[in-house]
């Protein structure tokens, strides 16, 4: 007497290949994550003291350039020429590795040519963190 074994339908079988792929991907992920976690550990060191050392998170002092209505430039409330401004921006770039923020404040009646010259000076001296200040606009008719 022959024994008949029911193998079931195709729909009842577990798809093995996608399961193996998923397990393989998880294995690779955990191997890579373990290597990264090991690489981030710090060695137990005692660094030497330095009297002039500064923390890396120290924000450089902001430079404020003011332009009055006649086109005169002021840096830290001191009148300067465009050449002196160039020198100050270049010094700030050298001392702070290009991280010095510059705020440009211009009177609304100042000459646009002077504002563009200050912007050009920032670009020439590799100052990338500069912005122009404005005031909140008041709707017309109020």
N, C-alpha and C. Protein backbone atom coordinates (compact mmCIF):
# COMPACT_ATOMS: atom_id res chain seq x y z
N UNK A 1 0.84 -1.15 0.00
CA UNK A 1 0.00 0.00 0.00
C UNK A 1 0.90 1.24 0.00
N UNK A 2 0.71 2.05 -0.96
CA UNK A 2 1.52 3.25 -1.12
C UNK A 2 0.98 4.37 -0.25
N UNK A 3 1.88 5.09 0.36
CA UNK A 3 1.49 6.22 1.19
C UNK A 3 1.57 7.48 0.32
N UNK A 4 0.51 8.20 0.31
CA UNK A 4 0.46 9.42 -0.48
C UNK A 4 0.73 10.62 0.44
N UNK A 5 1.77 11.39 0.12
CA UNK A 5 2.14 12.56 0.93
C UNK A 5 1.63 13.81 0.22
N UNK A 6 0.90 14.59 0.96
CA UNK A 6 0.41 15.85 0.39
C UNK A 6 1.52 16.89 0.53
N UNK A 7 1.97 17.43 -0.58
CA UNK A 7 3.02 18.44 -0.54
C UNK A 7 2.43 19.85 -0.42
N UNK A 8 1.18 19.98 -0.57
CA UNK A 8 0.54 21.28 -0.46
C UNK A 8 0.65 22.04 -1.76
N UNK A 9 0.01 23.15 -1.79
CA UNK A 9 0.05 23.96 -3.00
C UNK A 9 1.27 24.88 -2.97
N UNK A 10 1.56 25.51 -4.10
CA UNK A 10 2.68 26.43 -4.19
C UNK A 10 2.49 27.63 -3.28
N UNK A 11 1.30 28.01 -3.05
CA UNK A 11 1.03 29.18 -2.23
C UNK A 11 1.33 28.93 -0.76
N UNK A 12 1.42 27.72 -0.34
CA UNK A 12 1.65 27.43 1.07
C UNK A 12 3.13 27.32 1.40
N UNK A 13 4.01 27.32 0.40
CA UNK A 13 5.44 27.23 0.65
C UNK A 13 6.00 28.60 1.02
N UNK A 14 6.99 28.62 1.88
CA UNK A 14 7.64 29.87 2.30
C UNK A 14 8.69 30.22 1.25
N UNK A 15 8.66 31.45 0.73
CA UNK A 15 9.69 31.84 -0.24
C UNK A 15 11.03 32.00 0.48
N UNK A 16 11.97 31.14 0.18
CA UNK A 16 13.24 31.08 0.91
C UNK A 16 14.25 32.10 0.38
N UNK A 17 14.29 32.34 -0.91
CA UNK A 17 15.31 33.23 -1.48
C UNK A 17 15.18 34.66 -0.95
N UNK A 18 13.99 35.28 -0.90
CA UNK A 18 13.91 36.62 -0.30
C UNK A 18 14.28 36.62 1.18
N UNK A 19 13.99 35.54 1.88
CA UNK A 19 14.34 35.44 3.30
C UNK A 19 15.86 35.40 3.46
N UNK A 20 16.54 34.63 2.62
CA UNK A 20 18.01 34.56 2.68
C UNK A 20 18.61 35.92 2.34
N UNK A 21 18.07 36.62 1.35
CA UNK A 21 18.56 37.96 1.00
C UNK A 21 18.41 38.93 2.17
N UNK A 22 17.29 38.89 2.82
CA UNK A 22 17.05 39.78 3.96
C UNK A 22 18.01 39.48 5.10
N UNK A 23 18.21 38.24 5.42
CA UNK A 23 19.14 37.87 6.49
C UNK A 23 20.56 38.26 6.13
N UNK A 24 20.95 38.08 4.87
CA UNK A 24 22.28 38.46 4.42
C UNK A 24 22.49 39.97 4.55
N UNK A 25 21.49 40.76 4.15
CA UNK A 25 21.59 42.22 4.28
C UNK A 25 21.68 42.65 5.74
N UNK A 26 20.93 42.04 6.62
CA UNK A 26 21.02 42.36 8.04
C UNK A 26 22.39 42.01 8.59
N UNK A 27 22.95 40.89 8.18
CA UNK A 27 24.28 40.48 8.63
C UNK A 27 25.33 41.51 8.20
N UNK A 28 25.27 41.96 6.95
CA UNK A 28 26.22 42.97 6.47
C UNK A 28 26.05 44.27 7.24
N UNK A 29 24.80 44.70 7.48
CA UNK A 29 24.54 45.93 8.21
C UNK A 29 25.17 45.89 9.60
N UNK A 30 24.95 44.80 10.33
CA UNK A 30 25.48 44.73 11.70
C UNK A 30 27.00 44.61 11.71
N UNK A 31 27.59 43.98 10.72
CA UNK A 31 29.05 43.92 10.64
C UNK A 31 29.64 45.31 10.41
N UNK A 32 29.05 46.07 9.50
CA UNK A 32 29.55 47.42 9.23
C UNK A 32 29.31 48.33 10.42
N UNK A 33 28.14 48.24 11.04
CA UNK A 33 27.83 49.09 12.19
C UNK A 33 28.76 48.79 13.35
N UNK A 34 29.15 47.55 13.53
CA UNK A 34 30.07 47.19 14.60
C UNK A 34 31.45 47.79 14.34
N UNK A 35 31.90 47.75 13.10
CA UNK A 35 33.22 48.32 12.76
C UNK A 35 33.23 49.82 12.98
N UNK A 36 32.14 50.51 12.62
CA UNK A 36 32.07 51.96 12.83
C UNK A 36 32.05 52.28 14.31
N UNK A 37 31.33 51.54 15.10
CA UNK A 37 31.26 51.79 16.54
C UNK A 37 32.62 51.57 17.19
N UNK A 38 33.37 50.58 16.72
CA UNK A 38 34.71 50.34 17.27
C UNK A 38 35.65 51.47 16.89
N UNK A 39 35.50 52.02 15.69
CA UNK A 39 36.39 53.08 15.23
C UNK A 39 36.16 54.38 15.99
N UNK A 40 34.96 54.59 16.54
CA UNK A 40 34.65 55.84 17.22
C UNK A 40 35.13 55.87 18.67
N UNK A 41 35.57 54.77 19.19
CA UNK A 41 36.05 54.77 20.57
C UNK A 41 37.32 55.59 20.68
N UNK A 42 37.44 56.29 21.77
CA UNK A 42 38.63 57.10 21.99
C UNK A 42 39.59 56.36 22.90
N UNK A 43 40.85 56.60 22.66
CA UNK A 43 41.86 56.02 23.52
C UNK A 43 41.93 56.81 24.81
N UNK A 44 42.26 56.16 25.92
CA UNK A 44 42.39 56.89 27.19
C UNK A 44 43.69 57.69 27.20
N UNK A 45 43.63 58.95 26.80
CA UNK A 45 44.80 59.82 26.73
C UNK A 45 44.67 60.98 27.69
N UNK A 46 45.78 61.53 28.06
CA UNK A 46 45.82 62.77 28.82
C UNK A 46 46.57 63.78 27.96
N UNK A 47 45.83 64.69 27.27
CA UNK A 47 46.51 65.64 26.39
C UNK A 47 47.29 66.68 27.19
N UNK A 48 48.34 67.25 26.61
CA UNK A 48 49.13 68.26 27.32
C UNK A 48 48.36 69.56 27.43
N UNK A 49 48.75 70.39 28.38
CA UNK A 49 48.14 71.70 28.58
C UNK A 49 48.73 72.70 27.59
N UNK A 50 47.91 73.67 27.19
CA UNK A 50 48.37 74.76 26.33
C UNK A 50 47.72 76.03 26.83
N UNK A 51 48.53 77.03 27.11
CA UNK A 51 48.00 78.25 27.70
C UNK A 51 47.20 79.08 26.69
N UNK A 52 47.50 78.96 25.41
CA UNK A 52 46.83 79.77 24.39
C UNK A 52 45.78 78.99 23.61
N UNK A 53 45.47 77.80 24.04
CA UNK A 53 44.51 76.97 23.31
C UNK A 53 43.10 77.54 23.44
N UNK A 54 42.33 77.39 22.37
CA UNK A 54 40.93 77.83 22.37
C UNK A 54 40.07 76.65 21.98
N UNK A 55 38.88 76.63 22.50
CA UNK A 55 37.95 75.58 22.13
C UNK A 55 37.56 75.74 20.67
N UNK A 56 37.28 74.63 20.01
CA UNK A 56 36.91 74.66 18.60
C UNK A 56 35.53 75.27 18.38
N UNK A 57 34.74 75.34 19.43
CA UNK A 57 33.38 75.86 19.28
C UNK A 57 33.29 77.36 19.52
N UNK A 58 34.42 78.03 19.69
CA UNK A 58 34.39 79.47 19.90
C UNK A 58 33.97 80.15 18.61
N UNK A 59 32.93 80.93 18.70
CA UNK A 59 32.44 81.64 17.52
C UNK A 59 33.26 82.91 17.33
N UNK A 60 33.75 83.14 16.10
CA UNK A 60 34.53 84.34 15.86
C UNK A 60 33.69 85.60 16.05
N UNK A 61 34.35 86.67 16.41
CA UNK A 61 33.66 87.93 16.64
C UNK A 61 33.11 88.46 15.31
N UNK A 62 31.87 88.91 15.36
CA UNK A 62 31.20 89.42 14.16
C UNK A 62 31.71 90.82 13.83
N UNK A 63 31.93 91.06 12.54
CA UNK A 63 32.29 92.40 12.08
C UNK A 63 31.03 93.08 11.56
N UNK A 64 30.83 94.33 11.95
CA UNK A 64 29.66 95.10 11.49
C UNK A 64 30.18 96.26 10.66
N UNK A 65 29.76 96.29 9.40
CA UNK A 65 30.14 97.37 8.48
C UNK A 65 28.91 98.25 8.30
N UNK A 66 29.04 99.51 8.65
CA UNK A 66 27.95 100.47 8.49
C UNK A 66 28.26 101.38 7.31
N UNK A 67 27.23 101.70 6.54
CA UNK A 67 27.36 102.62 5.41
C UNK A 67 26.31 103.71 5.60
N UNK A 68 26.79 104.96 5.72
CA UNK A 68 25.82 106.04 5.93
C UNK A 68 25.26 106.51 4.58
N UNK A 69 24.38 107.52 4.63
CA UNK A 69 23.69 107.94 3.42
C UNK A 69 24.61 108.58 2.38
N UNK A 70 25.77 109.08 2.82
CA UNK A 70 26.70 109.69 1.86
C UNK A 70 27.71 108.68 1.32
N UNK A 71 27.66 107.43 1.81
CA UNK A 71 28.56 106.40 1.29
C UNK A 71 29.81 106.18 2.12
N UNK A 72 29.88 106.80 3.29
CA UNK A 72 31.04 106.60 4.16
C UNK A 72 30.95 105.25 4.85
N UNK A 73 32.09 104.57 5.01
CA UNK A 73 32.15 103.26 5.64
C UNK A 73 32.60 103.39 7.09
N UNK A 74 32.01 102.57 7.95
CA UNK A 74 32.37 102.54 9.36
C UNK A 74 32.52 101.08 9.78
N UNK A 75 33.63 100.78 10.42
CA UNK A 75 33.88 99.45 10.95
C UNK A 75 34.10 99.61 12.45
N UNK A 76 33.25 98.98 13.24
CA UNK A 76 33.27 99.13 14.70
C UNK A 76 33.16 100.61 15.08
N UNK A 77 32.26 101.30 14.41
CA UNK A 77 31.98 102.72 14.63
C UNK A 77 33.16 103.64 14.36
N UNK A 78 34.16 103.13 13.65
CA UNK A 78 35.31 103.94 13.27
C UNK A 78 35.28 104.12 11.75
N UNK A 79 35.46 105.33 11.26
CA UNK A 79 35.45 105.53 9.81
C UNK A 79 36.64 104.81 9.16
N UNK A 80 36.37 104.12 8.06
CA UNK A 80 37.43 103.41 7.33
C UNK A 80 37.25 103.65 5.84
N UNK A 81 38.34 103.44 5.11
CA UNK A 81 38.26 103.46 3.65
C UNK A 81 38.01 102.04 3.17
N UNK A 82 37.73 101.92 1.89
CA UNK A 82 37.50 100.59 1.32
C UNK A 82 38.77 99.75 1.42
N UNK A 83 39.92 100.35 1.26
CA UNK A 83 41.20 99.62 1.39
C UNK A 83 41.40 99.12 2.82
N UNK A 84 41.10 99.96 3.81
CA UNK A 84 41.22 99.53 5.21
C UNK A 84 40.23 98.41 5.52
N UNK A 85 39.04 98.49 4.94
CA UNK A 85 38.07 97.42 5.11
C UNK A 85 38.59 96.12 4.51
N UNK A 86 39.22 96.20 3.32
CA UNK A 86 39.83 95.03 2.71
C UNK A 86 40.86 94.39 3.64
N UNK A 87 41.70 95.21 4.23
CA UNK A 87 42.73 94.71 5.14
C UNK A 87 42.11 94.06 6.39
N UNK A 88 41.06 94.67 6.92
CA UNK A 88 40.40 94.11 8.10
C UNK A 88 39.73 92.78 7.78
N UNK A 89 39.09 92.68 6.62
CA UNK A 89 38.44 91.43 6.23
C UNK A 89 39.47 90.34 5.95
N UNK A 90 40.59 90.73 5.35
CA UNK A 90 41.65 89.76 5.10
C UNK A 90 42.24 89.25 6.41
N UNK A 91 42.45 90.13 7.36
CA UNK A 91 42.97 89.73 8.68
C UNK A 91 41.97 88.81 9.38
N UNK A 92 40.69 89.14 9.29
CA UNK A 92 39.67 88.29 9.91
C UNK A 92 39.65 86.91 9.25
N UNK A 93 39.84 86.86 7.94
CA UNK A 93 39.88 85.57 7.25
C UNK A 93 41.06 84.74 7.72
N UNK A 94 42.22 85.36 7.82
CA UNK A 94 43.43 84.64 8.24
C UNK A 94 43.31 84.15 9.69
N UNK A 95 42.79 84.99 10.56
CA UNK A 95 42.70 84.63 11.98
C UNK A 95 41.63 83.59 12.28
N UNK A 96 40.56 83.57 11.49
CA UNK A 96 39.43 82.69 11.81
C UNK A 96 39.13 81.68 10.71
N UNK A 97 40.05 81.50 9.79
CA UNK A 97 39.91 80.48 8.75
C UNK A 97 38.63 80.67 7.94
N UNK A 98 38.27 81.90 7.67
CA UNK A 98 37.11 82.18 6.83
C UNK A 98 35.77 82.04 7.52
N UNK A 99 35.74 81.97 8.85
CA UNK A 99 34.47 81.78 9.55
C UNK A 99 33.94 83.06 10.18
N UNK A 100 34.53 84.21 9.88
CA UNK A 100 34.09 85.45 10.50
C UNK A 100 32.79 85.93 9.85
N UNK A 101 31.72 86.09 10.66
CA UNK A 101 30.48 86.62 10.09
C UNK A 101 30.56 88.15 9.95
N UNK A 102 30.03 88.65 8.86
CA UNK A 102 30.03 90.09 8.60
C UNK A 102 28.59 90.55 8.39
N UNK A 103 28.20 91.57 9.11
CA UNK A 103 26.88 92.18 8.96
C UNK A 103 27.06 93.52 8.27
N UNK A 104 26.34 93.73 7.19
CA UNK A 104 26.43 94.98 6.43
C UNK A 104 25.14 95.76 6.67
N UNK A 105 25.29 96.94 7.26
CA UNK A 105 24.14 97.80 7.54
C UNK A 105 24.29 99.06 6.70
N UNK A 106 23.37 99.27 5.79
CA UNK A 106 23.43 100.44 4.92
C UNK A 106 22.18 101.28 5.08
N UNK A 107 22.36 102.59 5.05
CA UNK A 107 21.23 103.51 5.06
C UNK A 107 20.46 103.33 3.75
N UNK A 108 19.14 103.46 3.82
CA UNK A 108 18.34 103.24 2.62
C UNK A 108 18.63 104.27 1.53
N UNK A 109 19.22 105.39 1.90
CA UNK A 109 19.54 106.42 0.91
C UNK A 109 20.99 106.35 0.46
N UNK A 110 21.73 105.36 0.93
CA UNK A 110 23.15 105.25 0.54
C UNK A 110 23.26 104.81 -0.92
N UNK A 111 24.44 105.05 -1.47
CA UNK A 111 24.67 104.71 -2.86
C UNK A 111 24.84 103.20 -3.00
N UNK A 112 24.16 102.65 -3.96
CA UNK A 112 24.21 101.21 -4.20
C UNK A 112 25.62 100.77 -4.58
N UNK A 113 26.34 101.63 -5.22
CA UNK A 113 27.71 101.34 -5.65
C UNK A 113 28.60 101.02 -4.45
N UNK A 114 28.42 101.72 -3.35
CA UNK A 114 29.22 101.48 -2.15
C UNK A 114 28.85 100.14 -1.52
N UNK A 115 27.56 99.81 -1.50
CA UNK A 115 27.11 98.53 -0.94
C UNK A 115 27.70 97.38 -1.76
N UNK A 116 27.68 97.51 -3.07
CA UNK A 116 28.24 96.47 -3.94
C UNK A 116 29.75 96.37 -3.73
N UNK A 117 30.43 97.47 -3.51
CA UNK A 117 31.87 97.45 -3.25
C UNK A 117 32.18 96.69 -1.96
N UNK A 118 31.35 96.85 -0.93
CA UNK A 118 31.56 96.12 0.33
C UNK A 118 31.29 94.63 0.12
N UNK A 119 30.23 94.29 -0.62
CA UNK A 119 29.96 92.89 -0.93
C UNK A 119 31.11 92.28 -1.73
N UNK A 120 31.64 93.03 -2.68
CA UNK A 120 32.76 92.56 -3.48
C UNK A 120 34.00 92.36 -2.60
N UNK A 121 34.20 93.24 -1.65
CA UNK A 121 35.32 93.10 -0.73
C UNK A 121 35.20 91.83 0.11
N UNK A 122 33.98 91.52 0.53
CA UNK A 122 33.75 90.27 1.29
C UNK A 122 34.11 89.06 0.43
N UNK A 123 33.63 89.05 -0.81
CA UNK A 123 33.92 87.93 -1.71
C UNK A 123 35.42 87.83 -2.00
N UNK A 124 36.06 88.97 -2.23
CA UNK A 124 37.48 88.98 -2.56
C UNK A 124 38.32 88.42 -1.41
N UNK A 125 37.89 88.66 -0.18
CA UNK A 125 38.63 88.20 0.99
C UNK A 125 38.09 86.89 1.54
N UNK A 126 37.31 86.18 0.73
CA UNK A 126 36.81 84.83 1.05
C UNK A 126 35.92 84.79 2.30
N UNK A 127 35.24 85.88 2.57
CA UNK A 127 34.27 85.91 3.67
C UNK A 127 32.96 85.42 3.10
N UNK A 128 32.48 84.29 3.58
CA UNK A 128 31.27 83.69 3.03
C UNK A 128 30.05 83.91 3.91
N UNK A 129 30.26 84.29 5.15
CA UNK A 129 29.14 84.49 6.07
C UNK A 129 28.86 85.98 6.22
N UNK A 130 28.26 86.56 5.21
CA UNK A 130 27.89 87.97 5.31
C UNK A 130 26.42 88.11 4.97
N UNK A 131 25.81 89.12 5.55
CA UNK A 131 24.41 89.38 5.26
C UNK A 131 24.11 90.86 5.40
N UNK A 132 23.08 91.29 4.70
CA UNK A 132 22.61 92.67 4.76
C UNK A 132 21.45 92.75 5.73
N UNK A 133 21.41 93.80 6.50
CA UNK A 133 20.29 93.96 7.42
C UNK A 133 19.25 94.88 6.79
N UNK A 134 18.02 94.61 7.12
CA UNK A 134 16.91 95.46 6.70
C UNK A 134 16.00 95.64 7.90
N UNK A 135 15.04 96.48 7.75
CA UNK A 135 14.05 96.62 8.81
C UNK A 135 12.75 96.05 8.30
N UNK A 136 11.86 95.79 9.21
CA UNK A 136 10.56 95.25 8.84
C UNK A 136 9.79 96.30 8.03
N UNK A 137 9.25 95.86 6.91
CA UNK A 137 8.54 96.81 6.07
C UNK A 137 7.18 97.15 6.66
N UNK A 138 6.81 98.40 6.47
CA UNK A 138 5.51 98.87 6.95
C UNK A 138 4.60 98.95 5.73
N UNK A 139 3.44 98.32 5.76
CA UNK A 139 2.54 98.38 4.59
C UNK A 139 2.16 99.82 4.28
N UNK A 140 2.05 100.10 2.99
CA UNK A 140 1.68 101.45 2.55
C UNK A 140 0.21 101.71 2.91
N UNK A 141 -0.04 102.89 3.43
CA UNK A 141 -1.40 103.26 3.78
C UNK A 141 -1.66 103.17 5.28
N UNK A 142 -0.69 102.83 6.05
CA UNK A 142 -0.89 102.76 7.50
C UNK A 142 -0.17 103.87 8.18
